[in-house]
C-alpha atoms as a PDB file:
ATOM      1  CA  MET A   1       0.000   0.000   0.000  1.00  0.00           C
ATOM      2  CA  LEU A   2       1.454   3.360  -1.076  1.00  0.00           C
ATOM      3  CA  LYS A   3       1.282   6.235   1.375  1.00  0.00           C
ATOM      4  CA  TRP A   4       2.384   9.835   1.224  1.00  0.00           C
ATOM      5  CA  HIS A   5       2.469  12.808   3.522  1.00  0.00           C
ATOM      6  CA  SER A   6       2.525  16.360   2.253  1.00  0.00           C
ATOM      7  CA  VAL A   7       4.574  18.694   4.424  1.00  0.00           C
ATOM      8  CA  PHE A   8       6.032  22.145   4.194  1.00  0.00           C
ATOM      9  CA  LEU A   9       9.729  21.827   4.901  1.00  0.00           C
ATOM     10  CA  LYS A  10      11.371  24.509   7.003  1.00  0.00           C
ATOM     11  CA  LYS A  11      14.598  24.113   5.075  1.00  0.00           C
ATOM     12  CA  PHE A  12      15.006  22.502   1.711  1.00  0.00           C
ATOM     13  CA  LEU A  13      18.073  20.499   0.840  1.00  0.00           C
ATOM     14  CA  PRO A  14      20.859  21.197   1.027  1.00  0.00           C
ATOM     15  CA  LEU A  15      21.019  22.753   4.485  1.00  0.00           C
ATOM     16  CA  LYS A  16      23.482  25.593   4.887  1.00  0.00           C
ATOM     17  CA  LYS A  17      25.709  26.130   7.889  1.00  0.00           C
ATOM     18  CA  ASN A  18      28.299  28.903   7.936  1.00  0.00           C
ATOM     19  CA  ASN A  19      27.690  29.505   4.204  1.00  0.00           C
ATOM     20  CA  THR A  20      28.697  25.961   3.295  1.00  0.00           C
ATOM     21  CA  VAL A  21      26.402  23.275   1.942  1.00  0.00           C
ATOM     22  CA  GLU A  22      25.854  20.425   4.373  1.00  0.00           C
ATOM     23  CA  GLU A  23      24.196  17.060   3.980  1.00  0.00           C
ATOM     24  CA  PRO A  24      21.319  16.833   6.427  1.00  0.00           C
ATOM     25  CA  ASN A  25      22.071  14.763   9.494  1.00  0.00           C
ATOM     26  CA  LYS A  26      21.282  14.631  13.178  1.00  0.00           C
ATOM     27  CA  GLU A  27      24.181  16.858  14.231  1.00  0.00           C
ATOM     28  CA  ILE A  28      23.371  19.625  11.717  1.00  0.00           C
ATOM     29  CA  ILE A  29      19.701  19.648  12.739  1.00  0.00           C
ATOM     30  CA  LYS A  30      20.615  19.791  16.423  1.00  0.00           C
ATOM     31  CA  GLU A  31      22.995  22.688  15.793  1.00  0.00           C
ATOM     32  CA  LEU A  32      20.635  24.684  13.559  1.00  0.00           C
ATOM     33  CA  TYR A  33      17.288  24.083  15.231  1.00  0.00           C
ATOM     34  CA  MET A  34      17.667  22.894  18.809  1.00  0.00           C
ATOM     35  CA  ASN A  35      18.169  26.347  20.287  1.00  0.00           C
ATOM     36  CA  ASP A  36      14.627  26.210  21.647  1.00  0.00           C
ATOM     37  CA  ASP A  37      12.959  23.734  23.985  1.00  0.00           C
ATOM     38  CA  THR A  38      11.695  21.399  21.257  1.00  0.00           C
ATOM     39  CA  GLN A  39      12.679  17.751  21.601  1.00  0.00           C
ATOM     40  CA  TYR A  40      13.338  16.395  18.122  1.00  0.00           C
ATOM     41  CA  VAL A  41      12.845  12.658  17.708  1.00  0.00           C
ATOM     42  CA  PHE A  42      15.347  10.837  15.490  1.00  0.00           C
ATOM     43  CA  LEU A  43      15.385   7.307  14.084  1.00  0.00           C
ATOM     44  CA  ASP A  44      18.654   5.740  15.237  1.00  0.00           C
ATOM     45  CA  GLY A  45      20.864   4.545  12.412  1.00  0.00           C
ATOM     46  CA  PHE A  46      18.990   6.380   9.673  1.00  0.00           C
ATOM     47  CA  ASP A  47      20.799   9.740   9.544  1.00  0.00           C
ATOM     48  CA  LYS A  48      21.447   9.327   5.819  1.00  0.00           C
ATOM     49  CA  ALA A  49      17.682   9.110   5.225  1.00  0.00           C
ATOM     50  CA  ILE A  50      17.027  12.594   6.700  1.00  0.00           C
ATOM     51  CA  ILE A  51      15.774  15.008   4.052  1.00  0.00           C
ATOM     52  CA  GLY A  52      14.784  18.021   6.155  1.00  0.00           C
ATOM     53  CA  VAL A  53      12.885  19.524   9.047  1.00  0.00           C
ATOM     54  CA  GLU A  54       9.144  20.208   8.976  1.00  0.00           C
ATOM     55  CA  TYR A  55       7.812  23.547  10.231  1.00  0.00           C
ATOM     56  CA  ASP A  56       6.231  21.885  13.278  1.00  0.00           C
ATOM     57  CA  LYS A  57       9.727  20.788  14.266  1.00  0.00           C
ATOM     58  CA  GLN A  58       9.642  17.207  13.122  1.00  0.00           C
ATOM     59  CA  VAL A  59      12.544  15.514  11.357  1.00  0.00           C
ATOM     60  CA  VAL A  60      11.587  14.364   7.854  1.00  0.00           C
ATOM     61  CA  TYR A  61      12.907  11.061   6.474  1.00  0.00           C
ATOM     62  CA  SER A  62      12.757   9.449   3.041  1.00  0.00           C
ATOM     63  CA  TYR A  63      11.039   6.054   3.039  1.00  0.00           C
ATOM     64  CA  ASP A  64      13.096   4.955   0.024  1.00  0.00           C
ATOM     65  CA  LYS A  65      16.364   5.846   1.748  1.00  0.00           C
ATOM     66  CA  ILE A  66      15.309   3.997   4.910  1.00  0.00           C
ATOM     67  CA  ILE A  67      14.653   0.872   2.831  1.00  0.00           C
ATOM     68  CA  GLU A  68      18.035   1.283   1.079  1.00  0.00           C
ATOM     69  CA  ILE A  69      19.805   1.560   4.440  1.00  0.00           C
ATOM     70  CA  LEU A  70      18.090  -1.588   5.697  1.00  0.00           C
ATOM     71  CA  MET A  71      19.049  -3.432   2.507  1.00  0.00           C
ATOM     72  CA  GLU A  72      22.694  -2.345   2.729  1.00  0.00           C
ATOM     73  CA  ASN A  73      23.508  -2.056   6.415  1.00  0.00           C
ATOM     74  CA  PHE A  74      21.240  -4.307   8.443  1.00  0.00           C
ATOM     75  CA  LYS A  75      23.196  -6.324  11.020  1.00  0.00           C
ATOM     76  CA  ASN A  76      22.236  -9.698  12.463  1.00  0.00           C
ATOM     77  CA  VAL A  77      22.256 -10.512  16.181  1.00  0.00           C
ATOM     78  CA  ASP A  78      26.021 -11.109  16.029  1.00  0.00           C
ATOM     79  CA  GLU A  79      26.469  -7.541  14.685  1.00  0.00           C
ATOM     80  CA  GLU A  80      27.634  -8.871  11.321  1.00  0.00           C
ATOM     81  CA  PRO A  81      26.392  -6.847   8.334  1.00  0.00           C
ATOM     82  CA  THR A  82      24.074  -9.083   6.348  1.00  0.00           C
ATOM     83  CA  GLY A  83      21.764  -6.712   4.517  1.00  0.00           C
ATOM     84  CA  MET A  84      18.188  -7.574   3.630  1.00  0.00           C
ATOM     85  CA  GLU A  85      16.253  -8.339   0.508  1.00  0.00           C
ATOM     86  CA  TYR A  86      13.775  -5.640  -0.545  1.00  0.00           C
ATOM     87  CA  GLU A  87      10.763  -7.551   0.763  1.00  0.00           C
ATOM     88  CA  GLU A  88      12.471  -8.176   4.103  1.00  0.00           C
ATOM     89  CA  ALA A  89      13.384  -4.512   4.444  1.00  0.00           C
ATOM     90  CA  VAL A  90       9.798  -3.413   3.749  1.00  0.00           C
ATOM     91  CA  GLU A  91       8.437  -5.932   6.250  1.00  0.00           C
ATOM     92  CA  PHE A  92      10.979  -4.830   8.867  1.00  0.00           C
ATOM     93  CA  TYR A  93      10.066  -1.177   8.280  1.00  0.00           C
ATOM     94  CA  ASP A  94       6.321  -1.849   8.493  1.00  0.00           C
ATOM     95  CA  PHE A  95       6.574  -3.870  11.681  1.00  0.00           C
ATOM     96  CA  ASN A  96       9.395  -2.143  13.579  1.00  0.00           C
ATOM     97  CA  ILE A  97       9.500   1.478  12.438  1.00  0.00           C
ATOM     98  CA  GLU A  98       6.070   2.517  11.165  1.00  0.00           C
ATOM     99  CA  ARG A  99       4.242   0.951  14.108  1.00  0.00           C
ATOM    100  CA  ALA A 100       6.607   2.642  16.551  1.00  0.00           C
ATOM    101  CA  LEU A 101       5.896   6.125  15.154  1.00  0.00           C
ATOM    102  CA  ASP A 102       2.551   6.268  16.971  1.00  0.00           C
ATOM    103  CA  TYR A 103       4.374   6.003  20.292  1.00  0.00           C
ATOM    104  CA  MET A 104       7.041   8.646  19.645  1.00  0.00           C
ATOM    105  CA  GLY A 105       5.084  11.672  20.810  1.00  0.00           C
ATOM    106  CA  GLU A 106       4.172  15.034  19.399  1.00  0.00           C
ATOM    107  CA  HIS A 107       7.428  15.606  17.515  1.00  0.00           C
ATOM    108  CA  LYS A 108       7.689  12.132  16.005  1.00  0.00           C
ATOM    109  CA  PRO A 109       9.504  11.850  12.676  1.00  0.00           C
ATOM    110  CA  ILE A 110       7.641  12.193   9.394  1.00  0.00           C
ATOM    111  CA  ILE A 111       8.275   9.661   6.656  1.00  0.00           C
ATOM    112  CA  ILE A 112       7.892  10.807   3.037  1.00  0.00           C
ATOM    113  CA  TYR A 113       6.684   8.123   0.635  1.00  0.00           C
ATOM    114  CA  THR A 114       7.309   8.810  -3.043  1.00  0.00           C
ATOM    115  CA  ILE A 115       4.644   7.933  -5.578  1.00  0.00           C
END
């Protein structure tokens, strides 16, 4: 089932810091936006899937990049990189990430699905 979420991004890629272009990641977002009392919620291990920050102070991730990361970098219980097949990555995402979003609070991450 294809899903999508339309959001207005506070900053479009690439993010700029000190007049240099930066790839979006957890550290850049913390430095640029965490000067207030907002608690951003990040998905551990998916920094490369960050595509921006939404105006309600939610981190925005790319679904496709999350799936790519799972396919390339997933580690088994022995911490050995094994990767996943596409179907496994989608199933893992659906069961372990998407279901968890409902429990992450007001500033939970937003996942962008491309159509």
